[in-house]
Amino acid sequence: MKLSTTVRGAITRFSYKLALGHPYLNGVEYKDLFTEGEGSAVEQCYAIFANVLEIDEAGTVLNGLEAERRATDYLREYCSETDGSAGLEDWMYEIHEANYPWDGPMP
């Protein structure tokens, strides 16, 4: 089973916005996280996005902008080194394991 086109679209649109300069992150210096070895912050950002994202039975995304907002709240908090003012709940931070090797051979 593949992800629905709306889920794939939500992921690619979020990635595109992060790469260009997400409007929810105006004034936040976050792009170095993607190039300066801060992979854990990027991984956490995408985990929050995926955990918050909701879809219906047909695979249609129900809250894409909310998932973006929560993930960017995390990045804003991470970059400003605040103490949790983003108000994220514990379940949003969960990072789930992939069921394939991280360093396996490239196809």
C-alpha atoms as a PDB file:
ATOM      1  CA  MET A   1       0.000   0.000   0.000  1.00  0.00           C
ATOM      2  CA  LYS A   2       1.354   3.400  -0.940  1.00  0.00           C
ATOM      3  CA  LEU A   3       0.785   6.707   0.751  1.00  0.00           C
ATOM      4  CA  SER A   4      -2.069   8.639  -0.789  1.00  0.00           C
ATOM      5  CA  THR A   5      -1.266  11.460  -3.168  1.00  0.00           C
ATOM      6  CA  THR A   6      -2.435  14.023  -0.603  1.00  0.00           C
ATOM      7  CA  VAL A   7      -0.080  12.623   2.047  1.00  0.00           C
ATOM      8  CA  ARG A   8       2.793  12.609  -0.443  1.00  0.00           C
ATOM      9  CA  GLY A   9       1.826  16.156  -1.425  1.00  0.00           C
ATOM     10  CA  ALA A  10       1.783  17.315   2.206  1.00  0.00           C
ATOM     11  CA  ILE A  11       5.259  15.892   2.793  1.00  0.00           C
ATOM     12  CA  THR A  12       6.756  17.370  -0.366  1.00  0.00           C
ATOM     13  CA  ARG A  13       5.102  20.764   0.166  1.00  0.00           C
ATOM     14  CA  PHE A  14       6.398  20.907   3.750  1.00  0.00           C
ATOM     15  CA  SER A  15       9.889  19.971   2.557  1.00  0.00           C
ATOM     16  CA  TYR A  16       9.752  22.592  -0.192  1.00  0.00           C
ATOM     17  CA  LYS A  17       8.691  25.295   2.250  1.00  0.00           C
ATOM     18  CA  LEU A  18      11.463  24.339   4.686  1.00  0.00           C
ATOM     19  CA  ALA A  19      14.050  24.457   1.911  1.00  0.00           C
ATOM     20  CA  LEU A  20      12.954  27.881   0.663  1.00  0.00           C
ATOM     21  CA  GLY A  21      12.175  29.505   3.989  1.00  0.00           C
ATOM     22  CA  HIS A  22       8.981  28.454   5.697  1.00  0.00           C
ATOM     23  CA  PRO A  23       6.673  31.426   6.332  1.00  0.00           C
ATOM     24  CA  TYR A  24       5.995  30.140   9.872  1.00  0.00           C
ATOM     25  CA  LEU A  25       9.727  30.524  10.551  1.00  0.00           C
ATOM     26  CA  ASN A  26      10.254  34.125   9.457  1.00  0.00           C
ATOM     27  CA  GLY A  27      13.184  35.552  11.400  1.00  0.00           C
ATOM     28  CA  VAL A  28      14.372  32.143  12.635  1.00  0.00           C
ATOM     29  CA  GLU A  29      17.808  30.995  11.526  1.00  0.00           C
ATOM     30  CA  TYR A  30      17.151  27.298  10.999  1.00  0.00           C
ATOM     31  CA  LYS A  31      18.527  26.338   7.584  1.00  0.00           C
ATOM     32  CA  ASP A  32      21.973  25.521   8.968  1.00  0.00           C
ATOM     33  CA  LEU A  33      20.363  22.618  10.826  1.00  0.00           C
ATOM     34  CA  PHE A  34      20.091  20.868   7.466  1.00  0.00           C
ATOM     35  CA  THR A  35      23.757  21.295   6.567  1.00  0.00           C
ATOM     36  CA  GLU A  36      25.723  21.620   9.808  1.00  0.00           C
ATOM     37  CA  GLY A  37      25.250  18.139  11.254  1.00  0.00           C
ATOM     38  CA  GLU A  38      22.110  18.875  13.278  1.00  0.00           C
ATOM     39  CA  GLY A  39      20.300  15.892  11.820  1.00  0.00           C
ATOM     40  CA  SER A  40      18.553  15.076  15.080  1.00  0.00           C
ATOM     41  CA  ALA A  41      16.672  18.401  14.998  1.00  0.00           C
ATOM     42  CA  VAL A  42      15.624  17.782  11.401  1.00  0.00           C
ATOM     43  CA  GLU A  43      14.568  14.221  12.239  1.00  0.00           C
ATOM     44  CA  GLN A  44      12.548  15.514  15.192  1.00  0.00           C
ATOM     45  CA  CYS A  45      10.884  18.162  13.018  1.00  0.00           C
ATOM     46  CA  TYR A  46       9.719  15.562  10.508  1.00  0.00           C
ATOM     47  CA  ALA A  47       8.651  13.172  13.292  1.00  0.00           C
ATOM     48  CA  ILE A  48       6.415  15.881  14.756  1.00  0.00           C
ATOM     49  CA  PHE A  49       5.009  16.647  11.312  1.00  0.00           C
ATOM     50  CA  ALA A  50       4.226  12.961  10.689  1.00  0.00           C
ATOM     51  CA  ASN A  51       2.825  12.363  14.189  1.00  0.00           C
ATOM     52  CA  VAL A  52       0.449  15.332  13.991  1.00  0.00           C
ATOM     53  CA  LEU A  53      -0.650  14.715  10.398  1.00  0.00           C
ATOM     54  CA  GLU A  54      -4.139  13.203  10.227  1.00  0.00           C
ATOM     55  CA  ILE A  55      -5.791  11.472   7.297  1.00  0.00           C
ATOM     56  CA  ASP A  56      -9.265  10.112   6.737  1.00  0.00           C
ATOM     57  CA  GLU A  57     -10.210   6.615   5.553  1.00  0.00           C
ATOM     58  CA  ALA A  58      -9.644   7.616   1.928  1.00  0.00           C
ATOM     59  CA  GLY A  59      -6.122   8.879   2.686  1.00  0.00           C
ATOM     60  CA  THR A  60      -7.029  12.567   2.409  1.00  0.00           C
ATOM     61  CA  VAL A  61      -4.989  14.885   4.618  1.00  0.00           C
ATOM     62  CA  LEU A  62      -7.181  16.631   7.156  1.00  0.00           C
ATOM     63  CA  ASN A  63      -4.749  18.954   8.946  1.00  0.00           C
ATOM     64  CA  GLY A  64      -1.645  19.600   6.862  1.00  0.00           C
ATOM     65  CA  LEU A  65      -1.196  23.203   7.986  1.00  0.00           C
ATOM     66  CA  GLU A  66      -1.593  22.211  11.641  1.00  0.00           C
ATOM     67  CA  ALA A  67       1.107  19.542  11.213  1.00  0.00           C
ATOM     68  CA  GLU A  68       3.371  22.170   9.622  1.00  0.00           C
ATOM     69  CA  ARG A  69       2.662  24.630  12.423  1.00  0.00           C
ATOM     70  CA  ARG A  70       3.523  22.128  15.151  1.00  0.00           C
ATOM     71  CA  ALA A  71       6.724  21.023  13.413  1.00  0.00           C
ATOM     72  CA  THR A  72       7.827  24.621  12.838  1.00  0.00           C
ATOM     73  CA  ASP A  73       6.944  25.474  16.453  1.00  0.00           C
ATOM     74  CA  TYR A  74       9.502  22.852  17.422  1.00  0.00           C
ATOM     75  CA  LEU A  75      12.166  24.292  15.101  1.00  0.00           C
ATOM     76  CA  ARG A  76      11.535  27.811  16.389  1.00  0.00           C
ATOM     77  CA  GLU A  77      11.870  26.573  19.965  1.00  0.00           C
ATOM     78  CA  TYR A  78      14.971  24.515  19.149  1.00  0.00           C
ATOM     79  CA  CYS A  79      16.711  27.420  17.431  1.00  0.00           C
ATOM     80  CA  SER A  80      15.883  29.894  20.190  1.00  0.00           C
ATOM     81  CA  GLU A  81      16.800  27.402  22.935  1.00  0.00           C
ATOM     82  CA  THR A  82      13.627  28.093  24.899  1.00  0.00           C
ATOM     83  CA  ASP A  83      12.183  25.838  27.547  1.00  0.00           C
ATOM     84  CA  GLY A  84       9.075  24.389  25.970  1.00  0.00           C
ATOM     85  CA  SER A  85       6.945  27.386  25.181  1.00  0.00           C
ATOM     86  CA  ALA A  86       5.789  25.723  21.941  1.00  0.00           C
ATOM     87  CA  GLY A  87       3.335  23.668  23.984  1.00  0.00           C
ATOM     88  CA  LEU A  88       3.941  20.390  22.182  1.00  0.00           C
ATOM     89  CA  GLU A  89       2.608  17.228  23.768  1.00  0.00           C
ATOM     90  CA  ASP A  90       4.840  14.238  24.512  1.00  0.00           C
ATOM     91  CA  TRP A  91       3.260  12.003  21.847  1.00  0.00           C
ATOM     92  CA  MET A  92       4.198  14.544  19.172  1.00  0.00           C
ATOM     93  CA  TYR A  93       7.912  13.976  19.854  1.00  0.00           C
ATOM     94  CA  GLU A  94       7.856  10.196  19.318  1.00  0.00           C
ATOM     95  CA  ILE A  95      10.357   8.978  16.753  1.00  0.00           C
ATOM     96  CA  HIS A  96       9.350   5.661  15.245  1.00  0.00           C
ATOM     97  CA  GLU A  97      11.874   3.154  13.974  1.00  0.00           C
ATOM     98  CA  ALA A  98      12.125   2.349  10.294  1.00  0.00           C
ATOM     99  CA  ASN A  99      11.829  -1.325   9.391  1.00  0.00           C
ATOM    100  CA  TYR A 100      14.788  -1.267   7.026  1.00  0.00           C
ATOM    101  CA  PRO A 101      18.522  -0.711   7.654  1.00  0.00           C
ATOM    102  CA  TRP A 102      19.750   2.896   7.767  1.00  0.00           C
ATOM    103  CA  ASP A 103      23.098   2.157   6.189  1.00  0.00           C
ATOM    104  CA  GLY A 104      22.113  -0.543   3.740  1.00  0.00           C
ATOM    105  CA  PRO A 105      23.271  -0.611   0.150  1.00  0.00           C
ATOM    106  CA  MET A 106      21.742   1.894  -2.219  1.00  0.00           C
ATOM    107  CA  PRO A 107      19.569   0.264  -4.872  1.00  0.00           C
END
